[in-house]
Amino acid sequence: MDPLVRPRNGRVIAGVCRAVANRFGWSTTLVRVLAVLAVLFAGLSLWAYVLLWIVIPNE
């Protein structure tokens, strides 16, 4: 497994979804879709995204 870091390439907003997808070996598209659905149906997920943006280091 790759370390949990936000890559410089392939970012859309902050690279959080890409970092999570790389770490767990999942599709980046799947993680992005799940993140959008989580924000739409559970507003607290937006806070989690921002927190991960701050906590996960850059590559």
PDB file of N, CA and C in Angstrom:
ATOM      1  N   MET A   1       0.833  -1.188   0.000  1.00  0.00           N
ATOM      2  CA  MET A   1       0.000   0.000   0.000  1.00  0.00           C
ATOM      3  C   MET A   1       0.875   1.248   0.000  1.00  0.00           C
ATOM      4  N   ASP A   2       0.406   2.243  -0.698  1.00  0.00           N
ATOM      5  CA  ASP A   2       1.110   3.519  -0.728  1.00  0.00           C
ATOM      6  C   ASP A   2       0.842   4.283   0.558  1.00  0.00           C
ATOM      7  N   PRO A   3       1.753   5.182   0.928  1.00  0.00           N
ATOM      8  CA  PRO A   3       1.501   6.006   2.115  1.00  0.00           C
ATOM      9  C   PRO A   3       0.374   7.005   1.841  1.00  0.00           C
ATOM     10  N   LEU A   4      -0.218   7.504   2.884  1.00  0.00           N
ATOM     11  CA  LEU A   4      -1.322   8.457   2.751  1.00  0.00           C
ATOM     12  C   LEU A   4      -0.748   9.856   2.573  1.00  0.00           C
ATOM     13  N   VAL A   5      -0.546  10.245   1.320  1.00  0.00           N
ATOM     14  CA  VAL A   5      -0.065  11.583   0.969  1.00  0.00           C
ATOM     15  C   VAL A   5      -0.886  12.092  -0.210  1.00  0.00           C
ATOM     16  N   ARG A   6      -1.059  13.415  -0.257  1.00  0.00           N
ATOM     17  CA  ARG A   6      -1.797  14.026  -1.362  1.00  0.00           C
ATOM     18  C   ARG A   6      -0.840  14.218  -2.536  1.00  0.00           C
ATOM     19  N   PRO A   7      -1.082  13.526  -3.648  1.00  0.00           N
ATOM     20  CA  PRO A   7      -0.181  13.612  -4.796  1.00  0.00           C
ATOM     21  C   PRO A   7      -0.252  14.984  -5.465  1.00  0.00           C
ATOM     22  N   ARG A   8       0.815  15.356  -6.122  1.00  0.00           N
ATOM     23  CA  ARG A   8       0.843  16.641  -6.841  1.00  0.00           C
ATOM     24  C   ARG A   8       0.102  16.538  -8.173  1.00  0.00           C
ATOM     25  N   ASN A   9       0.088  15.367  -8.778  1.00  0.00           N
ATOM     26  CA  ASN A   9      -0.582  15.164 -10.069  1.00  0.00           C
ATOM     27  C   ASN A   9      -1.909  14.459  -9.863  1.00  0.00           C
ATOM     28  N   GLY A  10      -2.901  14.830 -10.678  1.00  0.00           N
ATOM     29  CA  GLY A  10      -4.189  14.158 -10.632  1.00  0.00           C
ATOM     30  C   GLY A  10      -5.161  14.729  -9.614  1.00  0.00           C
ATOM     31  N   ARG A  11      -4.841  15.882  -9.069  1.00  0.00           N
ATOM     32  CA  ARG A  11      -5.747  16.516  -8.104  1.00  0.00           C
ATOM     33  C   ARG A  11      -6.921  17.158  -8.824  1.00  0.00           C
ATOM     34  N   VAL A  12      -8.058  17.191  -8.147  1.00  0.00           N
ATOM     35  CA  VAL A  12      -9.197  17.957  -8.649  1.00  0.00           C
ATOM     36  C   VAL A  12      -9.373  19.180  -7.763  1.00  0.00           C
ATOM     37  N   ILE A  13      -9.468  19.000  -6.480  1.00  0.00           N
ATOM     38  CA  ILE A  13      -9.554  20.133  -5.549  1.00  0.00           C
ATOM     39  C   ILE A  13      -8.298  20.152  -4.691  1.00  0.00           C
ATOM     40  N   ALA A  14      -8.164  19.184  -3.817  1.00  0.00           N
ATOM     41  CA  ALA A  14      -7.014  19.171  -2.911  1.00  0.00           C
ATOM     42  C   ALA A  14      -6.228  17.872  -2.967  1.00  0.00           C
ATOM     43  N   GLY A  15      -6.743  16.883  -3.641  1.00  0.00           N
ATOM     44  CA  GLY A  15      -6.045  15.611  -3.743  1.00  0.00           C
ATOM     45  C   GLY A  15      -6.400  14.619  -2.645  1.00  0.00           C
ATOM     46  N   VAL A  16      -7.405  14.938  -1.847  1.00  0.00           N
ATOM     47  CA  VAL A  16      -7.785  14.058  -0.735  1.00  0.00           C
ATOM     48  C   VAL A  16      -8.344  12.734  -1.259  1.00  0.00           C
ATOM     49  N   CYS A  17      -9.248  12.788  -2.206  1.00  0.00           N
ATOM     50  CA  CYS A  17      -9.838  11.560  -2.748  1.00  0.00           C
ATOM     51  C   CYS A  17      -8.784  10.716  -3.435  1.00  0.00           C
ATOM     52  N   ARG A  18      -7.891  11.358  -4.151  1.00  0.00           N
ATOM     53  CA  ARG A  18      -6.810  10.629  -4.824  1.00  0.00           C
ATOM     54  C   ARG A  18      -5.898   9.962  -3.806  1.00  0.00           C
ATOM     55  N   ALA A  19      -5.607  10.656  -2.700  1.00  0.00           N
ATOM     56  CA  ALA A  19      -4.754  10.095  -1.650  1.00  0.00           C
ATOM     57  C   ALA A  19      -5.403   8.870  -1.020  1.00  0.00           C
ATOM     58  N   VAL A  20      -6.695   8.957  -0.733  1.00  0.00           N
ATOM     59  CA  VAL A  20      -7.412   7.828  -0.131  1.00  0.00           C
ATOM     60  C   VAL A  20      -7.470   6.657  -1.118  1.00  0.00           C
ATOM     61  N   ALA A  21      -7.741   6.949  -2.385  1.00  0.00           N
ATOM     62  CA  ALA A  21      -7.808   5.892  -3.395  1.00  0.00           C
ATOM     63  C   ALA A  21      -6.450   5.200  -3.552  1.00  0.00           C
ATOM     64  N   ASN A  22      -5.385   5.971  -3.609  1.00  0.00           N
ATOM     65  CA  ASN A  22      -4.050   5.385  -3.737  1.00  0.00           C
ATOM     66  C   ASN A  22      -3.694   4.543  -2.519  1.00  0.00           C
ATOM     67  N   ARG A  23      -4.051   5.014  -1.346  1.00  0.00           N
ATOM     68  CA  ARG A  23      -3.698   4.323  -0.098  1.00  0.00           C
ATOM     69  C   ARG A  23      -4.348   2.953  -0.011  1.00  0.00           C
ATOM     70  N   PHE A  24      -5.613   2.865  -0.402  1.00  0.00           N
ATOM     71  CA  PHE A  24      -6.354   1.618  -0.260  1.00  0.00           C
ATOM     72  C   PHE A  24      -6.469   0.818  -1.556  1.00  0.00           C
ATOM     73  N   GLY A  25      -5.894   1.322  -2.651  1.00  0.00           N
ATOM     74  CA  GLY A  25      -5.916   0.598  -3.919  1.00  0.00           C
ATOM     75  C   GLY A  25      -7.269   0.622  -4.601  1.00  0.00           C
ATOM     76  N   TRP A  26      -8.051   1.650  -4.358  1.00  0.00           N
ATOM     77  CA  TRP A  26      -9.377   1.785  -4.961  1.00  0.00           C
ATOM     78  C   TRP A  26      -9.303   2.686  -6.177  1.00  0.00           C
ATOM     79  N   SER A  27     -10.372   2.707  -6.942  1.00  0.00           N
ATOM     80  CA  SER A  27     -10.498   3.605  -8.083  1.00  0.00           C
ATOM     81  C   SER A  27     -10.696   5.037  -7.573  1.00  0.00           C
ATOM     82  N   THR A  28      -9.985   5.968  -8.173  1.00  0.00           N
ATOM     83  CA  THR A  28     -10.128   7.375  -7.785  1.00  0.00           C
ATOM     84  C   THR A  28     -11.541   7.867  -8.068  1.00  0.00           C
ATOM     85  N   THR A  29     -12.100   7.441  -9.190  1.00  0.00           N
ATOM     86  CA  THR A  29     -13.458   7.840  -9.552  1.00  0.00           C
ATOM     87  C   THR A  29     -14.460   7.362  -8.512  1.00  0.00           C
ATOM     88  N   LEU A  30     -14.305   6.142  -8.039  1.00  0.00           N
ATOM     89  CA  LEU A  30     -15.199   5.602  -7.022  1.00  0.00           C
ATOM     90  C   LEU A  30     -15.130   6.433  -5.744  1.00  0.00           C
ATOM     91  N   VAL A  31     -13.940   6.775  -5.310  1.00  0.00           N
ATOM     92  CA  VAL A  31     -13.790   7.559  -4.084  1.00  0.00           C
ATOM     93  C   VAL A  31     -14.384   8.950  -4.262  1.00  0.00           C
ATOM     94  N   ARG A  32     -14.195   9.546  -5.425  1.00  0.00           N
ATOM     95  CA  ARG A  32     -14.761  10.882  -5.679  1.00  0.00           C
ATOM     96  C   ARG A  32     -16.284  10.844  -5.686  1.00  0.00           C
ATOM     97  N   VAL A  33     -16.861   9.819  -6.308  1.00  0.00           N
ATOM     98  CA  VAL A  33     -18.323   9.692  -6.330  1.00  0.00           C
ATOM     99  C   VAL A  33     -18.855   9.486  -4.918  1.00  0.00           C
ATOM    100  N   LEU A  34     -18.201   8.635  -4.147  1.00  0.00           N
ATOM    101  CA  LEU A  34     -18.626   8.412  -2.764  1.00  0.00           C
ATOM    102  C   LEU A  34     -18.501   9.687  -1.929  1.00  0.00           C
ATOM    103  N   ALA A  35     -17.467  10.475  -2.170  1.00  0.00           N
ATOM    104  CA  ALA A  35     -17.289  11.728  -1.435  1.00  0.00           C
ATOM    105  C   ALA A  35     -18.399  12.718  -1.772  1.00  0.00           C
ATOM    106  N   VAL A  36     -18.746  12.820  -3.045  1.00  0.00           N
ATOM    107  CA  VAL A  36     -19.827  13.733  -3.455  1.00  0.00           C
ATOM    108  C   VAL A  36     -21.150  13.286  -2.857  1.00  0.00           C
ATOM    109  N   LEU A  37     -21.422  11.989  -2.903  1.00  0.00           N
ATOM    110  CA  LEU A  37     -22.666  11.477  -2.314  1.00  0.00           C
ATOM    111  C   LEU A  37     -22.700  11.716  -0.809  1.00  0.00           C
ATOM    112  N   ALA A  38     -21.571  11.552  -0.158  1.00  0.00           N
ATOM    113  CA  ALA A  38     -21.513  11.770   1.291  1.00  0.00           C
ATOM    114  C   ALA A  38     -21.767  13.237   1.632  1.00  0.00           C
ATOM    115  N   VAL A  39     -21.248  14.139   0.822  1.00  0.00           N
ATOM    116  CA  VAL A  39     -21.475  15.566   1.072  1.00  0.00           C
ATOM    117  C   VAL A  39     -22.941  15.918   0.834  1.00  0.00           C
ATOM    118  N   LEU A  40     -23.544  15.336  -0.203  1.00  0.00           N
ATOM    119  CA  LEU A  40     -24.940  15.637  -0.510  1.00  0.00           C
ATOM    120  C   LEU A  40     -25.898  15.113   0.556  1.00  0.00           C
ATOM    121  N   PHE A  41     -25.603  13.937   1.103  1.00  0.00           N
ATOM    122  CA  PHE A  41     -26.539  13.306   2.027  1.00  0.00           C
ATOM    123  C   PHE A  41     -26.141  13.421   3.492  1.00  0.00           C
ATOM    124  N   ALA A  42     -24.930  13.885   3.767  1.00  0.00           N
ATOM    125  CA  ALA A  42     -24.484  14.071   5.146  1.00  0.00           C
ATOM    126  C   ALA A  42     -23.520  15.257   5.158  1.00  0.00           C
ATOM    127  N   GLY A  43     -24.023  16.439   5.451  1.00  0.00           N
ATOM    128  CA  GLY A  43     -23.233  17.658   5.390  1.00  0.00           C
ATOM    129  C   GLY A  43     -21.966  17.636   6.223  1.00  0.00           C
ATOM    130  N   LEU A  44     -21.933  16.794   7.233  1.00  0.00           N
ATOM    131  CA  LEU A  44     -20.761  16.700   8.093  1.00  0.00           C
ATOM    132  C   LEU A  44     -19.555  16.179   7.318  1.00  0.00           C
ATOM    133  N   SER A  45     -19.778  15.470   6.235  1.00  0.00           N
ATOM    134  CA  SER A  45     -18.687  14.931   5.438  1.00  0.00           C
ATOM    135  C   SER A  45     -17.819  16.018   4.829  1.00  0.00           C
ATOM    136  N   LEU A  46     -18.383  17.176   4.557  1.00  0.00           N
ATOM    137  CA  LEU A  46     -17.605  18.292   4.037  1.00  0.00           C
ATOM    138  C   LEU A  46     -16.554  18.711   5.051  1.00  0.00           C
ATOM    139  N   TRP A  47     -16.916  18.707   6.317  1.00  0.00           N
ATOM    140  CA  TRP A  47     -15.951  19.026   7.376  1.00  0.00           C
ATOM    141  C   TRP A  47     -14.854  17.972   7.441  1.00  0.00           C
ATOM    142  N   ALA A  48     -15.211  16.721   7.232  1.00  0.00           N
ATOM    143  CA  ALA A  48     -14.215  15.649   7.228  1.00  0.00           C
ATOM    144  C   ALA A  48     -13.248  15.829   6.069  1.00  0.00           C
ATOM    145  N   TYR A  49     -13.748  16.235   4.903  1.00  0.00           N
ATOM    146  CA  TYR A  49     -12.893  16.469   3.745  1.00  0.00           C
ATOM    147  C   TYR A  49     -11.895  17.590   4.032  1.00  0.00           C
ATOM    148  N   VAL A  50     -12.385  18.683   4.592  1.00  0.00           N
ATOM    149  CA  VAL A  50     -11.511  19.811   4.918  1.00  0.00           C
ATOM    150  C   VAL A  50     -10.480  19.404   5.965  1.00  0.00           C
ATOM    151  N   LEU A  51     -10.879  18.628   6.956  1.00  0.00           N
ATOM    152  CA  LEU A  51      -9.950  18.157   7.965  1.00  0.00           C
ATOM    153  C   LEU A  51      -8.862  17.278   7.347  1.00  0.00           C
ATOM    154  N   LEU A  52      -9.243  16.379   6.447  1.00  0.00           N
ATOM    155  CA  LEU A  52      -8.260  15.532   5.773  1.00  0.00           C
ATOM    156  C   LEU A  52      -7.339  16.374   4.894  1.00  0.00           C
ATOM    157  N   TRP A  53      -7.867  17.428   4.282  1.00  0.00           N
ATOM    158  CA  TRP A  53      -7.073  18.332   3.463  1.00  0.00           C
ATOM    159  C   TRP A  53      -5.953  18.941   4.298  1.00  0.00           C
ATOM    160  N   ILE A  54      -6.272  19.282   5.527  1.00  0.00           N
ATOM    161  CA  ILE A  54      -5.296  19.898   6.432  1.00  0.00           C
ATOM    162  C   ILE A  54      -4.315  18.858   6.978  1.00  0.00           C
ATOM    163  N   VAL A  55      -4.803  17.672   7.309  1.00  0.00           N
ATOM    164  CA  VAL A  55      -4.002  16.667   8.012  1.00  0.00           C
ATOM    165  C   VAL A  55      -3.079  15.870   7.082  1.00  0.00           C
ATOM    166  N   ILE A  56      -3.576  15.497   5.889  1.00  0.00           N
ATOM    167  CA  ILE A  56      -2.771  14.664   4.978  1.00  0.00           C
ATOM    168  C   ILE A  56      -1.689  15.525   4.345  1.00  0.00           C
ATOM    169  N   PRO A  57      -0.435  15.126   4.466  1.00  0.00           N
ATOM    170  CA  PRO A  57       0.652  15.939   3.902  1.00  0.00           C
ATOM    171  C   PRO A  57       0.732  15.837   2.381  1.00  0.00           C
ATOM    172  N   ASN A  58       1.342  16.853   1.773  1.00  0.00           N
ATOM    173  CA  ASN A  58       1.614  16.828   0.342  1.00  0.00           C
ATOM    174  C   ASN A  58       2.700  15.816   0.033  1.00  0.00           C
ATOM    175  N   GLU A  59       2.746  15.399  -1.192  1.00  0.00           N
ATOM    176  CA  GLU A  59       3.771  14.467  -1.658  1.00  0.00           C
ATOM    177  C   GLU A  59       5.131  15.144  -1.681  1.00  0.00           C
TER     178      GLU A  59
END
